[in-house]
Amino acid sequence: MRSELAAGIAAGAVGTVALNSATYLDMLGRGRPSSTVPADAAEKLGQLAHVQLGDEETAPNRQEALGALLGLLTGLGVGAAFGVVRSKIDVPTPFAAVGMGVAAMVGSDLPMTALGLTDPREWDAVSWVADLLPHLAYGAAAAVAYRIFDA
């Protein structure tokens, strides 16, 4: 199981690069700014934990960095979880791609919703597509990478 876990973590890293690339391509194509939700989540988590992330100048920078790190952790965590699942059962690559993409989407959107930072029920179609496509890119890249790493 250790090799499947390592392959899953590595696949999660590849998927995270794909997700970030798809997100940046969307930003480039539509000319939209980056999301503030990850930094907002870091700020909210700091408040809930009673942790001061810095003064007026440094706190926003630390919040942005922590938000990005939480995204990386999600991507690696989904990959690791897939490695554990894959050690028990064979999952065809297309199913793995969709499953990992959905897991990454839920793993990022659910905490943000629970923190009151977003409400997917209020998203329009463009917002859903903008969230779904990068997560499916994550799943596809991670599933293919897993097959390569586990070969």
C-alpha atoms as a PDB file:
ATOM      1  CA  MET A   1       0.000   0.000   0.000  1.00  0.00           C
ATOM      2  CA  ARG A   2       2.942   2.339   0.568  1.00  0.00           C
ATOM      3  CA  SER A   3       3.768   2.504  -3.150  1.00  0.00           C
ATOM      4  CA  GLU A   4       0.112   3.199  -4.020  1.00  0.00           C
ATOM      5  CA  LEU A   5       0.039   5.986  -1.441  1.00  0.00           C
ATOM      6  CA  ALA A   6       3.213   7.526  -2.871  1.00  0.00           C
ATOM      7  CA  ALA A   7       1.834   7.208  -6.410  1.00  0.00           C
ATOM      8  CA  GLY A   8      -1.402   8.848  -5.222  1.00  0.00           C
ATOM      9  CA  ILE A   9       0.402  11.779  -3.636  1.00  0.00           C
ATOM     10  CA  ALA A  10       2.519  12.280  -6.770  1.00  0.00           C
ATOM     11  CA  ALA A  11      -0.609  12.025  -8.931  1.00  0.00           C
ATOM     12  CA  GLY A  12      -2.300  14.593  -6.702  1.00  0.00           C
ATOM     13  CA  ALA A  13       0.625  16.948  -7.315  1.00  0.00           C
ATOM     14  CA  VAL A  14       0.263  16.513 -11.078  1.00  0.00           C
ATOM     15  CA  GLY A  15      -3.472  17.081 -10.790  1.00  0.00           C
ATOM     16  CA  THR A  16      -2.909  20.222  -8.753  1.00  0.00           C
ATOM     17  CA  VAL A  17      -0.646  21.632 -11.461  1.00  0.00           C
ATOM     18  CA  ALA A  18      -3.354  20.857 -14.032  1.00  0.00           C
ATOM     19  CA  LEU A  19      -6.049  22.520 -11.891  1.00  0.00           C
ATOM     20  CA  ASN A  20      -3.929  25.629 -11.356  1.00  0.00           C
ATOM     21  CA  SER A  21      -3.050  25.769 -15.060  1.00  0.00           C
ATOM     22  CA  ALA A  22      -6.715  25.500 -16.066  1.00  0.00           C
ATOM     23  CA  THR A  23      -7.621  28.198 -13.550  1.00  0.00           C
ATOM     24  CA  TYR A  24      -4.927  30.556 -14.808  1.00  0.00           C
ATOM     25  CA  LEU A  25      -5.963  29.900 -18.422  1.00  0.00           C
ATOM     26  CA  ASP A  26      -9.533  30.825 -17.453  1.00  0.00           C
ATOM     27  CA  MET A  27      -8.281  34.004 -15.788  1.00  0.00           C
ATOM     28  CA  LEU A  28      -6.229  34.826 -18.877  1.00  0.00           C
ATOM     29  CA  GLY A  29      -9.051  34.101 -21.299  1.00  0.00           C
ATOM     30  CA  ARG A  30     -11.789  35.933 -19.437  1.00  0.00           C
ATOM     31  CA  GLY A  31      -9.568  38.604 -17.920  1.00  0.00           C
ATOM     32  CA  ARG A  32     -10.924  37.836 -14.484  1.00  0.00           C
ATOM     33  CA  PRO A  33      -9.110  38.365 -11.195  1.00  0.00           C
ATOM     34  CA  SER A  34      -8.016  35.536  -8.954  1.00  0.00           C
ATOM     35  CA  SER A  35     -10.468  34.349  -6.339  1.00  0.00           C
ATOM     36  CA  THR A  36     -10.223  35.793  -2.867  1.00  0.00           C
ATOM     37  CA  VAL A  37     -12.071  32.841  -1.335  1.00  0.00           C
ATOM     38  CA  PRO A  38      -8.938  30.833  -0.342  1.00  0.00           C
ATOM     39  CA  ALA A  39      -7.450  33.863   1.446  1.00  0.00           C
ATOM     40  CA  ASP A  40     -10.835  34.596   3.015  1.00  0.00           C
ATOM     41  CA  ALA A  41     -10.918  30.995   4.271  1.00  0.00           C
ATOM     42  CA  ALA A  42      -7.464  31.367   5.797  1.00  0.00           C
ATOM     43  CA  GLU A  43      -8.585  34.559   7.529  1.00  0.00           C
ATOM     44  CA  LYS A  44     -11.742  32.887   8.834  1.00  0.00           C
ATOM     45  CA  LEU A  45      -9.836  29.819  10.031  1.00  0.00           C
ATOM     46  CA  GLY A  46      -7.362  32.075  11.808  1.00  0.00           C
ATOM     47  CA  GLN A  47     -10.222  33.848  13.550  1.00  0.00           C
ATOM     48  CA  LEU A  48     -11.854  30.570  14.558  1.00  0.00           C
ATOM     49  CA  ALA A  49      -8.531  29.282  15.925  1.00  0.00           C
ATOM     50  CA  HIS A  50      -7.819  32.615  17.627  1.00  0.00           C
ATOM     51  CA  VAL A  51      -4.561  32.896  15.692  1.00  0.00           C
ATOM     52  CA  GLN A  52      -3.337  36.311  14.578  1.00  0.00           C
ATOM     53  CA  LEU A  53      -1.736  36.057  11.139  1.00  0.00           C
ATOM     54  CA  GLY A  54       0.055  39.378  11.403  1.00  0.00           C
ATOM     55  CA  ASP A  55      -0.537  43.094  11.286  1.00  0.00           C
ATOM     56  CA  GLU A  56      -2.493  45.055   8.664  1.00  0.00           C
ATOM     57  CA  GLU A  57       0.415  44.798   6.242  1.00  0.00           C
ATOM     58  CA  THR A  58       1.476  41.161   6.638  1.00  0.00           C
ATOM     59  CA  ALA A  59      -1.812  39.416   7.479  1.00  0.00           C
ATOM     60  CA  PRO A  60      -3.288  39.636   3.949  1.00  0.00           C
ATOM     61  CA  ASN A  61      -0.082  38.176   2.497  1.00  0.00           C
ATOM     62  CA  ARG A  62      -0.103  35.315   4.978  1.00  0.00           C
ATOM     63  CA  GLN A  63      -3.804  34.712   4.325  1.00  0.00           C
ATOM     64  CA  GLU A  64      -3.168  34.476   0.585  1.00  0.00           C
ATOM     65  CA  ALA A  65      -0.239  32.092   1.130  1.00  0.00           C
ATOM     66  CA  LEU A  66      -2.178  29.948   3.594  1.00  0.00           C
ATOM     67  CA  GLY A  67      -5.144  29.802   1.212  1.00  0.00           C
ATOM     68  CA  ALA A  68      -2.871  28.562  -1.577  1.00  0.00           C
ATOM     69  CA  LEU A  69      -1.252  26.017   0.734  1.00  0.00           C
ATOM     70  CA  LEU A  70      -4.691  24.710   1.742  1.00  0.00           C
ATOM     71  CA  GLY A  71      -5.424  24.188  -1.953  1.00  0.00           C
ATOM     72  CA  LEU A  72      -2.197  22.241  -2.384  1.00  0.00           C
ATOM     73  CA  LEU A  73      -3.051  20.161   0.673  1.00  0.00           C
ATOM     74  CA  THR A  74      -6.465  19.363  -0.811  1.00  0.00           C
ATOM     75  CA  GLY A  75      -4.920  18.266  -4.098  1.00  0.00           C
ATOM     76  CA  LEU A  76      -2.307  16.079  -2.425  1.00  0.00           C
ATOM     77  CA  GLY A  77      -4.888  14.721   0.017  1.00  0.00           C
ATOM     78  CA  VAL A  78      -7.287  13.642  -2.718  1.00  0.00           C
ATOM     79  CA  GLY A  79      -4.396  11.938  -4.496  1.00  0.00           C
ATOM     80  CA  ALA A  80      -3.331  10.190  -1.290  1.00  0.00           C
ATOM     81  CA  ALA A  81      -6.907   9.048  -0.643  1.00  0.00           C
ATOM     82  CA  PHE A  82      -7.107   7.673  -4.178  1.00  0.00           C
ATOM     83  CA  GLY A  83      -3.858   5.786  -3.624  1.00  0.00           C
ATOM     84  CA  VAL A  84      -5.375   4.128  -0.554  1.00  0.00           C
ATOM     85  CA  VAL A  85      -8.571   3.247  -2.453  1.00  0.00           C
ATOM     86  CA  ARG A  86      -6.551   1.993  -5.399  1.00  0.00           C
ATOM     87  CA  SER A  87      -4.557  -0.309  -3.124  1.00  0.00           C
ATOM     88  CA  LYS A  88      -7.832  -2.140  -2.398  1.00  0.00           C
ATOM     89  CA  ILE A  89      -9.684  -2.046  -5.735  1.00  0.00           C
ATOM     90  CA  ASP A  90      -8.886  -1.406  -9.373  1.00  0.00           C
ATOM     91  CA  VAL A  91     -10.590   1.739 -10.609  1.00  0.00           C
ATOM     92  CA  PRO A  92     -10.724   2.282 -14.382  1.00  0.00           C
ATOM     93  CA  THR A  93      -8.977   5.504 -15.383  1.00  0.00           C
ATOM     94  CA  PRO A  94     -12.115   7.301 -16.687  1.00  0.00           C
ATOM     95  CA  PHE A  95     -13.952   6.629 -13.413  1.00  0.00           C
ATOM     96  CA  ALA A  96     -10.878   7.629 -11.431  1.00  0.00           C
ATOM     97  CA  ALA A  97     -10.653  10.890 -13.387  1.00  0.00           C
ATOM     98  CA  VAL A  98     -14.253  11.877 -12.690  1.00  0.00           C
ATOM     99  CA  GLY A  99     -14.160  10.623  -9.115  1.00  0.00           C
ATOM    100  CA  MET A 100     -10.951  12.444  -8.252  1.00  0.00           C
ATOM    101  CA  GLY A 101     -12.175  15.612  -9.953  1.00  0.00           C
ATOM    102  CA  VAL A 102     -15.434  15.548  -8.010  1.00  0.00           C
ATOM    103  CA  ALA A 103     -13.593  14.707  -4.781  1.00  0.00           C
ATOM    104  CA  ALA A 104     -11.246  17.665  -5.278  1.00  0.00           C
ATOM    105  CA  MET A 105     -14.195  19.947  -6.016  1.00  0.00           C
ATOM    106  CA  VAL A 106     -16.081  18.801  -2.926  1.00  0.00           C
ATOM    107  CA  GLY A 107     -12.880  18.964  -0.891  1.00  0.00           C
ATOM    108  CA  SER A 108     -12.460  22.628  -1.745  1.00  0.00           C
ATOM    109  CA  ASP A 109     -16.056  23.832  -2.060  1.00  0.00           C
ATOM    110  CA  LEU A 110     -17.546  22.108   0.990  1.00  0.00           C
ATOM    111  CA  PRO A 111     -15.242  23.758   3.549  1.00  0.00           C
ATOM    112  CA  MET A 112     -15.723  27.154   1.881  1.00  0.00           C
ATOM    113  CA  THR A 113     -19.476  26.690   2.029  1.00  0.00           C
ATOM    114  CA  ALA A 114     -19.312  25.534   5.655  1.00  0.00           C
ATOM    115  CA  LEU A 115     -17.307  28.654   6.514  1.00  0.00           C
ATOM    116  CA  GLY A 116     -20.039  30.785   4.900  1.00  0.00           C
ATOM    117  CA  LEU A 117     -17.712  32.109   2.196  1.00  0.00           C
ATOM    118  CA  THR A 118     -19.681  30.845  -0.778  1.00  0.00           C
ATOM    119  CA  ASP A 119     -23.012  29.232  -1.571  1.00  0.00           C
ATOM    120  CA  PRO A 120     -23.018  27.014  -4.678  1.00  0.00           C
ATOM    121  CA  ARG A 121     -26.830  27.177  -4.734  1.00  0.00           C
ATOM    122  CA  GLU A 122     -26.456  30.812  -5.768  1.00  0.00           C
ATOM    123  CA  TRP A 123     -23.876  30.255  -8.521  1.00  0.00           C
ATOM    124  CA  ASP A 124     -24.789  30.919 -12.129  1.00  0.00           C
ATOM    125  CA  ALA A 125     -23.875  28.531 -14.959  1.00  0.00           C
ATOM    126  CA  VAL A 126     -20.616  30.351 -15.743  1.00  0.00           C
ATOM    127  CA  SER A 127     -19.505  30.037 -12.113  1.00  0.00           C
ATOM    128  CA  TRP A 128     -20.297  26.315 -12.069  1.00  0.00           C
ATOM    129  CA  VAL A 129     -18.353  25.720 -15.284  1.00  0.00           C
ATOM    130  CA  ALA A 130     -15.445  27.841 -14.011  1.00  0.00           C
ATOM    131  CA  ASP A 131     -15.300  25.633 -10.902  1.00  0.00           C
ATOM    132  CA  LEU A 132     -16.015  22.295 -12.574  1.00  0.00           C
ATOM    133  CA  LEU A 133     -13.594  22.391 -15.503  1.00  0.00           C
ATOM    134  CA  PRO A 134     -10.386  22.939 -13.492  1.00  0.00           C
ATOM    135  CA  HIS A 135     -11.434  20.183 -11.087  1.00  0.00           C
ATOM    136  CA  LEU A 136     -12.078  17.802 -13.978  1.00  0.00           C
ATOM    137  CA  ALA A 137      -8.641  18.754 -15.345  1.00  0.00           C
ATOM    138  CA  TYR A 138      -7.274  17.843 -11.900  1.00  0.00           C
ATOM    139  CA  GLY A 139      -9.021  14.472 -12.015  1.00  0.00           C
ATOM    140  CA  ALA A 140      -7.946  13.623 -15.553  1.00  0.00           C
ATOM    141  CA  ALA A 141      -4.312  14.571 -14.991  1.00  0.00           C
ATOM    142  CA  ALA A 142      -4.153  12.857 -11.611  1.00  0.00           C
ATOM    143  CA  ALA A 143      -5.771   9.634 -12.880  1.00  0.00           C
ATOM    144  CA  VAL A 144      -3.415   9.378 -15.857  1.00  0.00           C
ATOM    145  CA  ALA A 145      -0.408  10.257 -13.698  1.00  0.00           C
ATOM    146  CA  TYR A 146      -1.413   7.605 -11.169  1.00  0.00           C
ATOM    147  CA  ARG A 147      -1.477   4.952 -13.900  1.00  0.00           C
ATOM    148  CA  ILE A 148       1.995   6.019 -15.012  1.00  0.00           C
ATOM    149  CA  PHE A 149       3.448   6.194 -11.494  1.00  0.00           C
ATOM    150  CA  ASP A 150       1.901   2.889 -10.432  1.00  0.00           C
ATOM    151  CA  ALA A 151       3.037   0.987 -13.531  1.00  0.00           C
END
